[in-house]
Amino acid sequence: MRVFTYSQARQRLSAVLDTARREEVLIKRRGGDTFSLTYKTTSKSPFDVPGIKTSATTQDILDAVKESRSRGAEPPGGR
């Protein structure tokens, strides 16, 4: 665990953040307040999903989208 004063942390923020990747960092203020700085990994995006294998072509997908959109354009009670 590394300890920095507020002034040191402010002057060398980049180095302090690099240190926090490896170990916990404490930052002490003149008034006695102490803050802990730890590195957090970001979670994956909910949109980061694996792809699927399919035999559908681009044209098949475009046709399906066009068909689904045209169904929404029918008047109520139509068909």
PDB file of N, CA and C in Angstrom:
ATOM      1  N   MET A   1       0.845  -1.165   0.000  1.00  0.00           N
ATOM      2  CA  MET A   1       0.000   0.000   0.000  1.00  0.00           C
ATOM      3  C   MET A   1       0.892   1.231   0.000  1.00  0.00           C
ATOM      4  N   ARG A   2       0.612   2.142  -0.934  1.00  0.00           N
ATOM      5  CA  ARG A   2       1.385   3.383  -1.033  1.00  0.00           C
ATOM      6  C   ARG A   2       0.566   4.525  -0.463  1.00  0.00           C
ATOM      7  N   VAL A   3       1.241   5.469   0.151  1.00  0.00           N
ATOM      8  CA  VAL A   3       0.589   6.637   0.745  1.00  0.00           C
ATOM      9  C   VAL A   3       1.154   7.890   0.088  1.00  0.00           C
ATOM     10  N   PHE A   4       0.267   8.770  -0.360  1.00  0.00           N
ATOM     11  CA  PHE A   4       0.650  10.045  -0.956  1.00  0.00           C
ATOM     12  C   PHE A   4      -0.059  11.162  -0.212  1.00  0.00           C
ATOM     13  N   THR A   5       0.579  12.297  -0.142  1.00  0.00           N
ATOM     14  CA  THR A   5      -0.135  13.471   0.352  1.00  0.00           C
ATOM     15  C   THR A   5      -1.020  13.968  -0.787  1.00  0.00           C
ATOM     16  N   TYR A   6      -1.964  14.805  -0.446  1.00  0.00           N
ATOM     17  CA  TYR A   6      -2.848  15.367  -1.454  1.00  0.00           C
ATOM     18  C   TYR A   6      -2.040  16.107  -2.527  1.00  0.00           C
ATOM     19  N   SER A   7      -1.071  16.887  -2.094  1.00  0.00           N
ATOM     20  CA  SER A   7      -0.253  17.658  -3.046  1.00  0.00           C
ATOM     21  C   SER A   7       0.540  16.743  -3.969  1.00  0.00           C
ATOM     22  N   GLN A   8       1.128  15.685  -3.412  1.00  0.00           N
ATOM     23  CA  GLN A   8       1.872  14.730  -4.242  1.00  0.00           C
ATOM     24  C   GLN A   8       0.947  14.073  -5.262  1.00  0.00           C
ATOM     25  N   ALA A   9      -0.215  13.647  -4.811  1.00  0.00           N
ATOM     26  CA  ALA A   9      -1.169  12.974  -5.700  1.00  0.00           C
ATOM     27  C   ALA A   9      -1.617  13.913  -6.820  1.00  0.00           C
ATOM     28  N   ARG A  10      -1.843  15.159  -6.487  1.00  0.00           N
ATOM     29  CA  ARG A  10      -2.274  16.143  -7.479  1.00  0.00           C
ATOM     30  C   ARG A  10      -1.182  16.389  -8.511  1.00  0.00           C
ATOM     31  N   GLN A  11       0.053  16.488  -8.070  1.00  0.00           N
ATOM     32  CA  GLN A  11       1.165  16.773  -8.975  1.00  0.00           C
ATOM     33  C   GLN A  11       1.518  15.575  -9.861  1.00  0.00           C
ATOM     34  N   ARG A  12       1.323  14.375  -9.340  1.00  0.00           N
ATOM     35  CA  ARG A  12       1.721  13.161 -10.073  1.00  0.00           C
ATOM     36  C   ARG A  12       0.537  12.222 -10.255  1.00  0.00           C
ATOM     37  N   LEU A  13      -0.604  12.768 -10.653  1.00  0.00           N
ATOM     38  CA  LEU A  13      -1.823  11.970 -10.747  1.00  0.00           C
ATOM     39  C   LEU A  13      -1.659  10.743 -11.641  1.00  0.00           C
ATOM     40  N   SER A  14      -1.024  10.908 -12.779  1.00  0.00           N
ATOM     41  CA  SER A  14      -0.843   9.781 -13.701  1.00  0.00           C
ATOM     42  C   SER A  14      -0.079   8.643 -13.023  1.00  0.00           C
ATOM     43  N   ALA A  15       0.999   8.955 -12.321  1.00  0.00           N
ATOM     44  CA  ALA A  15       1.791   7.931 -11.633  1.00  0.00           C
ATOM     45  C   ALA A  15       0.991   7.307 -10.497  1.00  0.00           C
ATOM     46  N   VAL A  16       0.198   8.113  -9.799  1.00  0.00           N
ATOM     47  CA  VAL A  16      -0.631   7.589  -8.703  1.00  0.00           C
ATOM     48  C   VAL A  16      -1.652   6.595  -9.255  1.00  0.00           C
ATOM     49  N   LEU A  17      -2.278   6.930 -10.383  1.00  0.00           N
ATOM     50  CA  LEU A  17      -3.255   6.019 -10.987  1.00  0.00           C
ATOM     51  C   LEU A  17      -2.596   4.736 -11.473  1.00  0.00           C
ATOM     52  N   ASP A  18      -1.394   4.842 -12.032  1.00  0.00           N
ATOM     53  CA  ASP A  18      -0.668   3.636 -12.448  1.00  0.00           C
ATOM     54  C   ASP A  18      -0.351   2.756 -11.245  1.00  0.00           C
ATOM     55  N   THR A  19       0.027   3.368 -10.131  1.00  0.00           N
ATOM     56  CA  THR A  19       0.304   2.615  -8.905  1.00  0.00           C
ATOM     57  C   THR A  19      -0.959   1.931  -8.409  1.00  0.00           C
ATOM     58  N   ALA A  20      -2.097   2.625  -8.518  1.00  0.00           N
ATOM     59  CA  ALA A  20      -3.370   2.066  -8.053  1.00  0.00           C
ATOM     60  C   ALA A  20      -3.791   0.839  -8.856  1.00  0.00           C
ATOM     61  N   ARG A  21      -3.272   0.676 -10.059  1.00  0.00           N
ATOM     62  CA  ARG A  21      -3.552  -0.543 -10.838  1.00  0.00           C
ATOM     63  C   ARG A  21      -2.939  -1.775 -10.170  1.00  0.00           C
ATOM     64  N   ARG A  22      -1.835  -1.566  -9.456  1.00  0.00           N
ATOM     65  CA  ARG A  22      -1.104  -2.681  -8.861  1.00  0.00           C
ATOM     66  C   ARG A  22      -1.394  -2.872  -7.374  1.00  0.00           C
ATOM     67  N   GLU A  23      -1.679  -1.776  -6.674  1.00  0.00           N
ATOM     68  CA  GLU A  23      -1.875  -1.862  -5.226  1.00  0.00           C
ATOM     69  C   GLU A  23      -2.769  -0.724  -4.753  1.00  0.00           C
ATOM     70  N   GLU A  24      -3.260  -0.856  -3.547  1.00  0.00           N
ATOM     71  CA  GLU A  24      -4.110   0.182  -2.978  1.00  0.00           C
ATOM     72  C   GLU A  24      -3.277   1.435  -2.705  1.00  0.00           C
ATOM     73  N   VAL A  25      -3.876   2.589  -2.937  1.00  0.00           N
ATOM     74  CA  VAL A  25      -3.213   3.868  -2.716  1.00  0.00           C
ATOM     75  C   VAL A  25      -4.029   4.664  -1.704  1.00  0.00           C
ATOM     76  N   LEU A  26      -3.348   5.243  -0.736  1.00  0.00           N
ATOM     77  CA  LEU A  26      -3.997   6.140   0.215  1.00  0.00           C
ATOM     78  C   LEU A  26      -3.557   7.560  -0.070  1.00  0.00           C
ATOM     79  N   ILE A  27      -4.503   8.477  -0.022  1.00  0.00           N
ATOM     80  CA  ILE A  27      -4.208   9.896  -0.202  1.00  0.00           C
ATOM     81  C   ILE A  27      -4.626  10.597   1.077  1.00  0.00           C
ATOM     82  N   LYS A  28      -3.664  11.270   1.701  1.00  0.00           N
ATOM     83  CA  LYS A  28      -3.922  11.952   2.975  1.00  0.00           C
ATOM     84  C   LYS A  28      -3.950  13.458   2.771  1.00  0.00           C
ATOM     85  N   ARG A  29      -4.971  14.074   3.335  1.00  0.00           N
ATOM     86  CA  ARG A  29      -5.074  15.535   3.289  1.00  0.00           C
ATOM     87  C   ARG A  29      -4.499  16.137   4.559  1.00  0.00           C
ATOM     88  N   ARG A  30      -4.196  17.388   4.494  1.00  0.00           N
ATOM     89  CA  ARG A  30      -3.587  18.090   5.623  1.00  0.00           C
ATOM     90  C   ARG A  30      -4.464  18.005   6.880  1.00  0.00           C
ATOM     91  N   GLY A  31      -5.773  18.050   6.727  1.00  0.00           N
ATOM     92  CA  GLY A  31      -6.680  18.016   7.867  1.00  0.00           C
ATOM     93  C   GLY A  31      -6.818  16.643   8.504  1.00  0.00           C
ATOM     94  N   GLY A  32      -6.167  15.643   7.921  1.00  0.00           N
ATOM     95  CA  GLY A  32      -6.217  14.298   8.490  1.00  0.00           C
ATOM     96  C   GLY A  32      -7.143  13.338   7.750  1.00  0.00           C
ATOM     97  N   ASP A  33      -7.935  13.854   6.817  1.00  0.00           N
ATOM     98  CA  ASP A  33      -8.804  12.967   6.037  1.00  0.00           C
ATOM     99  C   ASP A  33      -7.944  12.049   5.170  1.00  0.00           C
ATOM    100  N   THR A  34      -8.341  10.786   5.102  1.00  0.00           N
ATOM    101  CA  THR A  34      -7.617   9.810   4.289  1.00  0.00           C
ATOM    102  C   THR A  34      -8.588   9.176   3.307  1.00  0.00           C
ATOM    103  N   PHE A  35      -8.161   9.064   2.060  1.00  0.00           N
ATOM    104  CA  PHE A  35      -8.982   8.474   1.014  1.00  0.00           C
ATOM    105  C   PHE A  35      -8.251   7.287   0.409  1.00  0.00           C
ATOM    106  N   SER A  36      -8.995   6.252   0.099  1.00  0.00           N
ATOM    107  CA  SER A  36      -8.422   5.052  -0.495  1.00  0.00           C
ATOM    108  C   SER A  36      -8.736   5.042  -1.986  1.00  0.00           C
ATOM    109  N   LEU A  37      -7.731   4.745  -2.780  1.00  0.00           N
ATOM    110  CA  LEU A  37      -7.881   4.688  -4.229  1.00  0.00           C
ATOM    111  C   LEU A  37      -7.549   3.280  -4.680  1.00  0.00           C
ATOM    112  N   THR A  38      -8.518   2.620  -5.302  1.00  0.00           N
ATOM    113  CA  THR A  38      -8.298   1.266  -5.810  1.00  0.00           C
ATOM    114  C   THR A  38      -8.734   1.196  -7.266  1.00  0.00           C
ATOM    115  N   TYR A  39      -8.135   0.301  -8.000  1.00  0.00           N
ATOM    116  CA  TYR A  39      -8.435   0.107  -9.414  1.00  0.00           C
ATOM    117  C   TYR A  39      -9.641  -0.809  -9.547  1.00  0.00           C
ATOM    118  N   LYS A  40     -10.577  -0.416 -10.379  1.00  0.00           N
ATOM    119  CA  LYS A  40     -11.755  -1.245 -10.630  1.00  0.00           C
ATOM    120  C   LYS A  40     -11.786  -1.600 -12.107  1.00  0.00           C
ATOM    121  N   THR A  41     -12.054  -2.848 -12.377  1.00  0.00           N
ATOM    122  CA  THR A  41     -12.201  -3.260 -13.767  1.00  0.00           C
ATOM    123  C   THR A  41     -13.623  -2.959 -14.198  1.00  0.00           C
ATOM    124  N   THR A  42     -13.776  -2.623 -15.460  1.00  0.00           N
ATOM    125  CA  THR A  42     -15.109  -2.323 -15.971  1.00  0.00           C
ATOM    126  C   THR A  42     -15.792  -3.615 -16.395  1.00  0.00           C
ATOM    127  N   SER A  43     -17.072  -3.659 -16.158  1.00  0.00           N
ATOM    128  CA  SER A  43     -17.814  -4.836 -16.576  1.00  0.00           C
ATOM    129  C   SER A  43     -18.055  -4.767 -18.076  1.00  0.00           C
ATOM    130  N   LYS A  44     -18.364  -5.888 -18.648  1.00  0.00           N
ATOM    131  CA  LYS A  44     -18.613  -5.942 -20.078  1.00  0.00           C
ATOM    132  C   LYS A  44     -19.938  -5.267 -20.405  1.00  0.00           C
ATOM    133  N   SER A  45     -20.033  -4.793 -21.610  1.00  0.00           N
ATOM    134  CA  SER A  45     -21.259  -4.198 -22.098  1.00  0.00           C
ATOM    135  C   SER A  45     -22.321  -5.285 -22.263  1.00  0.00           C
ATOM    136  N   PRO A  46     -23.573  -4.988 -21.940  1.00  0.00           N
ATOM    137  CA  PRO A  46     -24.626  -5.982 -22.171  1.00  0.00           C
ATOM    138  C   PRO A  46     -24.813  -6.277 -23.652  1.00  0.00           C
ATOM    139  N   PHE A  47     -24.291  -5.413 -24.518  1.00  0.00           N
ATOM    140  CA  PHE A  47     -24.389  -5.639 -25.958  1.00  0.00           C
ATOM    141  C   PHE A  47     -23.220  -6.456 -26.492  1.00  0.00           C
ATOM    142  N   ASP A  48     -22.273  -6.794 -25.643  1.00  0.00           N
ATOM    143  CA  ASP A  48     -21.124  -7.588 -26.046  1.00  0.00           C
ATOM    144  C   ASP A  48     -21.507  -9.073 -25.961  1.00  0.00           C
ATOM    145  N   VAL A  49     -22.170  -9.548 -27.000  1.00  0.00           N
ATOM    146  CA  VAL A  49     -22.661 -10.929 -27.025  1.00  0.00           C
ATOM    147  C   VAL A  49     -21.984 -11.675 -28.169  1.00  0.00           C
ATOM    148  N   PRO A  50     -21.811 -12.970 -28.008  1.00  0.00           N
ATOM    149  CA  PRO A  50     -21.174 -13.729 -29.084  1.00  0.00           C
ATOM    150  C   PRO A  50     -22.087 -13.803 -30.309  1.00  0.00           C
ATOM    151  N   GLY A  51     -21.486 -13.870 -31.462  1.00  0.00           N
ATOM    152  CA  GLY A  51     -22.254 -13.989 -32.700  1.00  0.00           C
ATOM    153  C   GLY A  51     -22.767 -15.401 -32.890  1.00  0.00           C
ATOM    154  N   ILE A  52     -23.628 -15.586 -33.872  1.00  0.00           N
ATOM    155  CA  ILE A  52     -24.156 -16.913 -34.179  1.00  0.00           C
ATOM    156  C   ILE A  52     -23.840 -17.240 -35.637  1.00  0.00           C
ATOM    157  N   LYS A  53     -23.749 -18.507 -35.931  1.00  0.00           N
ATOM    158  CA  LYS A  53     -23.533 -18.958 -37.302  1.00  0.00           C
ATOM    159  C   LYS A  53     -24.903 -19.211 -37.920  1.00  0.00           C
ATOM    160  N   THR A  54     -25.111 -18.699 -39.115  1.00  0.00           N
ATOM    161  CA  THR A  54     -26.380 -18.891 -39.809  1.00  0.00           C
ATOM    162  C   THR A  54     -26.128 -18.957 -41.309  1.00  0.00           C
ATOM    163  N   SER A  55     -27.047 -19.575 -41.993  1.00  0.00           N
ATOM    164  CA  SER A  55     -26.916 -19.628 -43.452  1.00  0.00           C
ATOM    165  C   SER A  55     -27.711 -18.504 -44.114  1.00  0.00           C
ATOM    166  N   ALA A  56     -28.312 -17.608 -43.308  1.00  0.00           N
ATOM    167  CA  ALA A  56     -29.077 -16.491 -43.865  1.00  0.00           C
ATOM    168  C   ALA A  56     -28.137 -15.517 -44.565  1.00  0.00           C
ATOM    169  N   THR A  57     -28.579 -15.065 -45.711  1.00  0.00           N
ATOM    170  CA  THR A  57     -27.790 -14.083 -46.454  1.00  0.00           C
ATOM    171  C   THR A  57     -28.249 -12.677 -46.071  1.00  0.00           C
ATOM    172  N   THR A  58     -27.494 -11.706 -46.483  1.00  0.00           N
ATOM    173  CA  THR A  58     -27.881 -10.317 -46.231  1.00  0.00           C
ATOM    174  C   THR A  58     -29.244 -10.034 -46.850  1.00  0.00           C
ATOM    175  N   GLN A  59     -29.478 -10.560 -48.033  1.00  0.00           N
ATOM    176  CA  GLN A  59     -30.765 -10.335 -48.705  1.00  0.00           C
ATOM    177  C   GLN A  59     -31.899 -10.985 -47.916  1.00  0.00           C
ATOM    178  N   ASP A  60     -31.678 -12.180 -47.344  1.00  0.00           N
ATOM    179  CA  ASP A  60     -32.703 -12.834 -46.522  1.00  0.00           C
ATOM    180  C   ASP A  60     -33.082 -11.939 -45.339  1.00  0.00           C
ATOM    181  N   ILE A  61     -32.088 -11.352 -44.715  1.00  0.00           N
ATOM    182  CA  ILE A  61     -32.334 -10.494 -43.548  1.00  0.00           C
ATOM    183  C   ILE A  61     -33.075  -9.230 -43.979  1.00  0.00           C
ATOM    184  N   LEU A  62     -32.645  -8.606 -45.081  1.00  0.00           N
ATOM    185  CA  LEU A  62     -33.324  -7.404 -45.559  1.00  0.00           C
ATOM    186  C   LEU A  62     -34.770  -7.698 -45.938  1.00  0.00           C
ATOM    187  N   ASP A  63     -35.021  -8.842 -46.568  1.00  0.00           N
ATOM    188  CA  ASP A  63     -36.391  -9.229 -46.925  1.00  0.00           C
ATOM    189  C   ASP A  63     -37.247  -9.425 -45.673  1.00  0.00           C
ATOM    190  N   ALA A  64     -36.682 -10.048 -44.645  1.00  0.00           N
ATOM    191  CA  ALA A  64     -37.429 -10.275 -43.402  1.00  0.00           C
ATOM    192  C   ALA A  64     -37.765  -8.950 -42.716  1.00  0.00           C
ATOM    193  N   VAL A  65     -36.829  -8.016 -42.717  1.00  0.00           N
ATOM    194  CA  VAL A  65     -37.084  -6.700 -42.118  1.00  0.00           C
ATOM    195  C   VAL A  65     -38.159  -5.971 -42.909  1.00  0.00           C
ATOM    196  N   LYS A  66     -38.066  -5.998 -44.230  1.00  0.00           N
ATOM    197  CA  LYS A  66     -39.058  -5.334 -45.077  1.00  0.00           C
ATOM    198  C   LYS A  66     -40.445  -5.924 -44.849  1.00  0.00           C
ATOM    199  N   GLU A  67     -40.522  -7.243 -44.755  1.00  0.00           N
ATOM    200  CA  GLU A  67     -41.814  -7.913 -44.526  1.00  0.00           C
ATOM    201  C   GLU A  67     -42.398  -7.531 -43.166  1.00  0.00           C
ATOM    202  N   SER A  68     -41.557  -7.517 -42.131  1.00  0.00           N
ATOM    203  CA  SER A  68     -42.067  -7.186 -40.795  1.00  0.00           C
ATOM    204  C   SER A  68     -42.527  -5.732 -40.724  1.00  0.00           C
ATOM    205  N   ARG A  69     -41.860  -4.844 -41.441  1.00  0.00           N
ATOM    206  CA  ARG A  69     -42.270  -3.438 -41.452  1.00  0.00           C
ATOM    207  C   ARG A  69     -43.552  -3.231 -42.244  1.00  0.00           C
ATOM    208  N   SER A  70     -43.730  -3.994 -43.291  1.00  0.00           N
ATOM    209  CA  SER A  70     -44.947  -3.834 -44.087  1.00  0.00           C
ATOM    210  C   SER A  70     -46.171  -4.373 -43.331  1.00  0.00           C
ATOM    211  N   ARG A  71     -45.982  -5.346 -42.460  1.00  0.00           N
ATOM    212  CA  ARG A  71     -47.095  -5.856 -41.652  1.00  0.00           C
ATOM    213  C   ARG A  71     -47.602  -4.800 -40.699  1.00  0.00           C
ATOM    214  N   GLY A  72     -46.704  -3.912 -40.214  1.00  0.00           N
ATOM    215  CA  GLY A  72     -47.124  -2.864 -39.288  1.00  0.00           C
ATOM    216  C   GLY A  72     -47.892  -1.752 -39.976  1.00  0.00           C
ATOM    217  N   ALA A  73     -47.865  -1.700 -41.320  1.00  0.00           N
ATOM    218  CA  ALA A  73     -48.522  -0.621 -42.049  1.00  0.00           C
ATOM    219  C   ALA A  73     -49.964  -0.963 -42.412  1.00  0.00           C
ATOM    220  N   GLU A  74     -50.435  -2.186 -42.106  1.00  0.00           N
ATOM    221  CA  GLU A  74     -51.794  -2.574 -42.437  1.00  0.00           C
ATOM    222  C   GLU A  74     -52.791  -1.815 -41.555  1.00  0.00           C
ATOM    223  N   PRO A  75     -53.973  -1.497 -42.095  1.00  0.00           N
ATOM    224  CA  PRO A  75     -54.982  -0.849 -41.264  1.00  0.00           C
ATOM    225  C   PRO A  75     -55.497  -1.808 -40.202  1.00  0.00           C
ATOM    226  N   PRO A  76     -55.966  -1.298 -39.074  1.00  0.00           N
ATOM    227  CA  PRO A  76     -56.475  -2.183 -38.008  1.00  0.00           C
ATOM    228  C   PRO A  76     -57.575  -3.091 -38.550  1.00  0.00           C
ATOM    229  N   GLY A  77     -57.519  -4.355 -38.183  1.00  0.00           N
ATOM    230  CA  GLY A  77     -58.500  -5.339 -38.615  1.00  0.00           C
ATOM    231  C   GLY A  77     -58.284  -5.817 -40.037  1.00  0.00           C
ATOM    232  N   GLY A  78     -57.202  -5.381 -40.661  1.00  0.00           N
ATOM    233  CA  GLY A  78     -56.905  -5.758 -42.050  1.00  0.00           C
ATOM    234  C   GLY A  78     -56.422  -7.189 -42.143  1.00  0.00           C
ATOM    235  N   ARG A  79     -56.198  -7.684 -43.329  1.00  0.00           N
ATOM    236  CA  ARG A  79     -55.764  -9.025 -43.696  1.00  0.00           C
ATOM    237  C   ARG A  79     -56.851  -9.841 -44.200  1.00  0.00           C
TER     238      ARG A  79
END
